[in-house]
Amino acid sequence: MGNCCSDENREARRRNEAIERVLNRDKKNARRELKLLLLGTGESGKSTFIKQMRIIHGAGYSDEDRKDFIVRVYENIYKAIRTLAEAMDNLQIEYELEINAVSPPIAFTECCQYKYHRVGVLCNRY
């Protein structure tokens, strides 16, 4: 019966040492980890700051993230141009070229093919 208890004690001690090693490793990792609380109003650049730190000091972006950014960039460009054209109409500003007054350059009539995604753009002006 003494052998049985000593085997159980050895197994318990081995498990305890393994747990202690994991805890010590996690404790060392936690000491190296910095936490930062960013406070600010909406649109103040908190997310942009984190993205820049990720680019500069981290592994950068995955291919999937890059693909998503391509679509967002083109959508933002489209929306900005559309807003400008609407403002020109509201302010009754003439187009420099007559062809743009009939068919403004932002009125894309077909889908645009980009490297990763096919981005559909509205056919009508607004």
C-alpha atoms as a PDB file:
ATOM      1  CA  MET A   1       0.000   0.000   0.000  1.00  0.00           C
ATOM      2  CA  GLY A   2       2.973   2.316   0.598  1.00  0.00           C
ATOM      3  CA  ASN A   3       4.054   1.949  -3.031  1.00  0.00           C
ATOM      4  CA  CYS A   4       0.594   2.918  -4.242  1.00  0.00           C
ATOM      5  CA  CYS A   5       0.563   6.105  -2.203  1.00  0.00           C
ATOM      6  CA  SER A   6       4.081   7.075  -3.252  1.00  0.00           C
ATOM      7  CA  ASP A   7       3.159   6.586  -6.943  1.00  0.00           C
ATOM      8  CA  GLU A   8       0.136   8.797  -6.459  1.00  0.00           C
ATOM      9  CA  ASN A   9       2.246  11.377  -4.640  1.00  0.00           C
ATOM     10  CA  ARG A  10       4.835  11.375  -7.437  1.00  0.00           C
ATOM     11  CA  GLU A  11       2.121  11.828 -10.045  1.00  0.00           C
ATOM     12  CA  ALA A  12       0.527  14.646  -8.050  1.00  0.00           C
ATOM     13  CA  ARG A  13       3.937  16.315  -7.593  1.00  0.00           C
ATOM     14  CA  ARG A  14       4.663  15.991 -11.334  1.00  0.00           C
ATOM     15  CA  ARG A  15       1.321  17.592 -12.215  1.00  0.00           C
ATOM     16  CA  ASN A  16       1.891  20.351  -9.663  1.00  0.00           C
ATOM     17  CA  GLU A  17       5.335  21.134 -11.141  1.00  0.00           C
ATOM     18  CA  ALA A  18       3.878  21.251 -14.667  1.00  0.00           C
ATOM     19  CA  ILE A  19       1.189  23.656 -13.509  1.00  0.00           C
ATOM     20  CA  GLU A  20       3.779  25.808 -11.728  1.00  0.00           C
ATOM     21  CA  ARG A  21       5.895  25.978 -14.912  1.00  0.00           C
ATOM     22  CA  VAL A  22       2.901  27.129 -16.940  1.00  0.00           C
ATOM     23  CA  LEU A  23       1.980  29.735 -14.313  1.00  0.00           C
ATOM     24  CA  ASN A  24       5.553  31.070 -14.168  1.00  0.00           C
ATOM     25  CA  ARG A  25       5.738  31.280 -17.979  1.00  0.00           C
ATOM     26  CA  ASP A  26       2.408  33.142 -18.102  1.00  0.00           C
ATOM     27  CA  LYS A  27       3.590  35.484 -15.332  1.00  0.00           C
ATOM     28  CA  LYS A  28       6.741  36.375 -17.324  1.00  0.00           C
ATOM     29  CA  ASN A  29       4.667  36.990 -20.452  1.00  0.00           C
ATOM     30  CA  ALA A  30       2.235  39.189 -18.511  1.00  0.00           C
ATOM     31  CA  ARG A  31       5.122  41.340 -17.240  1.00  0.00           C
ATOM     32  CA  ARG A  32       6.192  42.045 -20.834  1.00  0.00           C
ATOM     33  CA  GLU A  33       2.659  42.894 -21.950  1.00  0.00           C
ATOM     34  CA  LEU A  34       1.652  46.536 -21.909  1.00  0.00           C
ATOM     35  CA  LYS A  35      -1.929  47.675 -21.714  1.00  0.00           C
ATOM     36  CA  LEU A  36      -3.010  51.052 -22.990  1.00  0.00           C
ATOM     37  CA  LEU A  37      -6.339  52.784 -22.548  1.00  0.00           C
ATOM     38  CA  LEU A  38      -7.115  55.210 -25.355  1.00  0.00           C
ATOM     39  CA  LEU A  39      -9.756  57.778 -24.537  1.00  0.00           C
ATOM     40  CA  GLY A  40     -11.287  60.213 -26.960  1.00  0.00           C
ATOM     41  CA  THR A  41     -14.440  61.270 -28.692  1.00  0.00           C
ATOM     42  CA  GLY A  42     -15.692  59.559 -31.804  1.00  0.00           C
ATOM     43  CA  GLU A  43     -13.610  60.171 -34.926  1.00  0.00           C
ATOM     44  CA  SER A  44     -10.636  61.363 -32.833  1.00  0.00           C
ATOM     45  CA  GLY A  45      -8.240  58.779 -34.293  1.00  0.00           C
ATOM     46  CA  LYS A  46      -8.129  56.022 -31.675  1.00  0.00           C
ATOM     47  CA  SER A  47      -8.532  53.212 -34.209  1.00  0.00           C
ATOM     48  CA  THR A  48      -6.131  54.877 -36.612  1.00  0.00           C
ATOM     49  CA  PHE A  49      -3.496  55.038 -33.882  1.00  0.00           C
ATOM     50  CA  ILE A  50      -3.865  51.327 -33.139  1.00  0.00           C
ATOM     51  CA  LYS A  51      -3.698  50.470 -36.846  1.00  0.00           C
ATOM     52  CA  GLN A  52      -0.528  52.508 -37.261  1.00  0.00           C
ATOM     53  CA  MET A  53       1.111  50.810 -34.280  1.00  0.00           C
ATOM     54  CA  ARG A  54       0.135  47.451 -35.730  1.00  0.00           C
ATOM     55  CA  ILE A  55       1.771  48.344 -39.051  1.00  0.00           C
ATOM     56  CA  ILE A  56       4.929  49.783 -37.489  1.00  0.00           C
ATOM     57  CA  HIS A  57       5.547  47.347 -34.634  1.00  0.00           C
ATOM     58  CA  GLY A  58       3.422  44.326 -35.358  1.00  0.00           C
ATOM     59  CA  ALA A  59       3.054  41.768 -38.080  1.00  0.00           C
ATOM     60  CA  GLY A  60       1.046  44.129 -40.279  1.00  0.00           C
ATOM     61  CA  TYR A  61      -2.187  43.105 -41.919  1.00  0.00           C
ATOM     62  CA  SER A  62      -3.316  39.762 -43.231  1.00  0.00           C
ATOM     63  CA  ASP A  63      -4.176  39.301 -46.903  1.00  0.00           C
ATOM     64  CA  GLU A  64      -7.867  39.241 -45.997  1.00  0.00           C
ATOM     65  CA  ASP A  65      -7.563  42.610 -44.187  1.00  0.00           C
ATOM     66  CA  ARG A  66      -5.797  44.106 -47.218  1.00  0.00           C
ATOM     67  CA  LYS A  67      -8.545  42.871 -49.529  1.00  0.00           C
ATOM     68  CA  ASP A  68     -11.180  44.488 -47.316  1.00  0.00           C
ATOM     69  CA  PHE A  69      -9.253  47.773 -47.262  1.00  0.00           C
ATOM     70  CA  ILE A  70      -9.088  47.883 -51.070  1.00  0.00           C
ATOM     71  CA  VAL A  71     -12.865  47.744 -51.294  1.00  0.00           C
ATOM     72  CA  ARG A  72     -13.273  50.370 -48.553  1.00  0.00           C
ATOM     73  CA  VAL A  73     -10.843  52.752 -50.227  1.00  0.00           C
ATOM     74  CA  TYR A  74     -12.669  52.558 -53.543  1.00  0.00           C
ATOM     75  CA  GLU A  75     -16.033  52.959 -51.812  1.00  0.00           C
ATOM     76  CA  ASN A  76     -14.756  56.052 -49.982  1.00  0.00           C
ATOM     77  CA  ILE A  77     -13.438  57.547 -53.217  1.00  0.00           C
ATOM     78  CA  TYR A  78     -16.772  56.895 -54.920  1.00  0.00           C
ATOM     79  CA  LYS A  79     -18.750  58.447 -52.064  1.00  0.00           C
ATOM     80  CA  ALA A  80     -16.513  61.531 -52.003  1.00  0.00           C
ATOM     81  CA  ILE A  81     -16.858  62.112 -55.733  1.00  0.00           C
ATOM     82  CA  ARG A  82     -20.607  61.576 -55.517  1.00  0.00           C
ATOM     83  CA  THR A  83     -20.859  64.098 -52.688  1.00  0.00           C
ATOM     84  CA  LEU A  84     -18.933  66.648 -54.743  1.00  0.00           C
ATOM     85  CA  ALA A  85     -21.228  66.154 -57.740  1.00  0.00           C
ATOM     86  CA  GLU A  86     -24.323  66.540 -55.540  1.00  0.00           C
ATOM     87  CA  ALA A  87     -22.874  69.718 -54.020  1.00  0.00           C
ATOM     88  CA  MET A  88     -22.199  71.099 -57.503  1.00  0.00           C
ATOM     89  CA  ASP A  89     -25.836  70.484 -58.400  1.00  0.00           C
ATOM     90  CA  ASN A  90     -27.102  72.030 -55.136  1.00  0.00           C
ATOM     91  CA  LEU A  91     -24.880  75.090 -55.542  1.00  0.00           C
ATOM     92  CA  GLN A  92     -25.650  75.268 -59.250  1.00  0.00           C
ATOM     93  CA  ILE A  93     -21.996  75.137 -60.234  1.00  0.00           C
ATOM     94  CA  GLU A  94     -21.504  74.480 -63.939  1.00  0.00           C
ATOM     95  CA  TYR A  95     -19.413  71.569 -65.162  1.00  0.00           C
ATOM     96  CA  GLU A  96     -16.322  72.597 -67.082  1.00  0.00           C
ATOM     97  CA  LEU A  97     -17.009  70.002 -69.804  1.00  0.00           C
ATOM     98  CA  GLU A  98     -20.544  69.775 -71.200  1.00  0.00           C
ATOM     99  CA  ILE A  99     -20.326  65.977 -71.455  1.00  0.00           C
ATOM    100  CA  ASN A 100     -20.047  65.765 -67.670  1.00  0.00           C
ATOM    101  CA  ALA A 101     -23.285  67.691 -67.229  1.00  0.00           C
ATOM    102  CA  VAL A 102     -25.128  64.984 -69.185  1.00  0.00           C
ATOM    103  CA  SER A 103     -23.085  62.049 -67.919  1.00  0.00           C
ATOM    104  CA  PRO A 104     -20.889  62.974 -64.950  1.00  0.00           C
ATOM    105  CA  PRO A 105     -17.722  60.941 -64.499  1.00  0.00           C
ATOM    106  CA  ILE A 106     -19.011  59.492 -61.251  1.00  0.00           C
ATOM    107  CA  ALA A 107     -21.979  57.814 -62.931  1.00  0.00           C
ATOM    108  CA  PHE A 108     -20.152  54.543 -63.525  1.00  0.00           C
ATOM    109  CA  THR A 109     -22.245  52.269 -65.689  1.00  0.00           C
ATOM    110  CA  GLU A 110     -20.369  49.044 -65.201  1.00  0.00           C
ATOM    111  CA  CYS A 111     -18.630  47.201 -62.439  1.00  0.00           C
ATOM    112  CA  CYS A 112     -15.007  48.030 -61.843  1.00  0.00           C
ATOM    113  CA  GLN A 113     -12.572  45.132 -61.719  1.00  0.00           C
ATOM    114  CA  TYR A 114      -9.898  45.503 -59.063  1.00  0.00           C
ATOM    115  CA  LYS A 115      -7.079  43.173 -58.125  1.00  0.00           C
ATOM    116  CA  TYR A 116      -8.934  41.253 -55.423  1.00  0.00           C
ATOM    117  CA  HIS A 117     -12.600  42.152 -55.554  1.00  0.00           C
ATOM    118  CA  ARG A 118     -15.211  43.005 -58.068  1.00  0.00           C
ATOM    119  CA  VAL A 119     -16.787  46.205 -56.783  1.00  0.00           C
ATOM    120  CA  GLY A 120     -20.225  47.053 -58.104  1.00  0.00           C
ATOM    121  CA  VAL A 121     -20.918  50.745 -58.460  1.00  0.00           C
ATOM    122  CA  LEU A 122     -24.327  52.318 -58.834  1.00  0.00           C
ATOM    123  CA  CYS A 123     -25.418  52.939 -62.392  1.00  0.00           C
ATOM    124  CA  ASN A 124     -27.475  56.008 -61.626  1.00  0.00           C
ATOM    125  CA  ARG A 125     -26.049  59.255 -60.448  1.00  0.00           C
ATOM    126  CA  TYR A 126     -27.535  59.304 -56.950  1.00  0.00           C
END
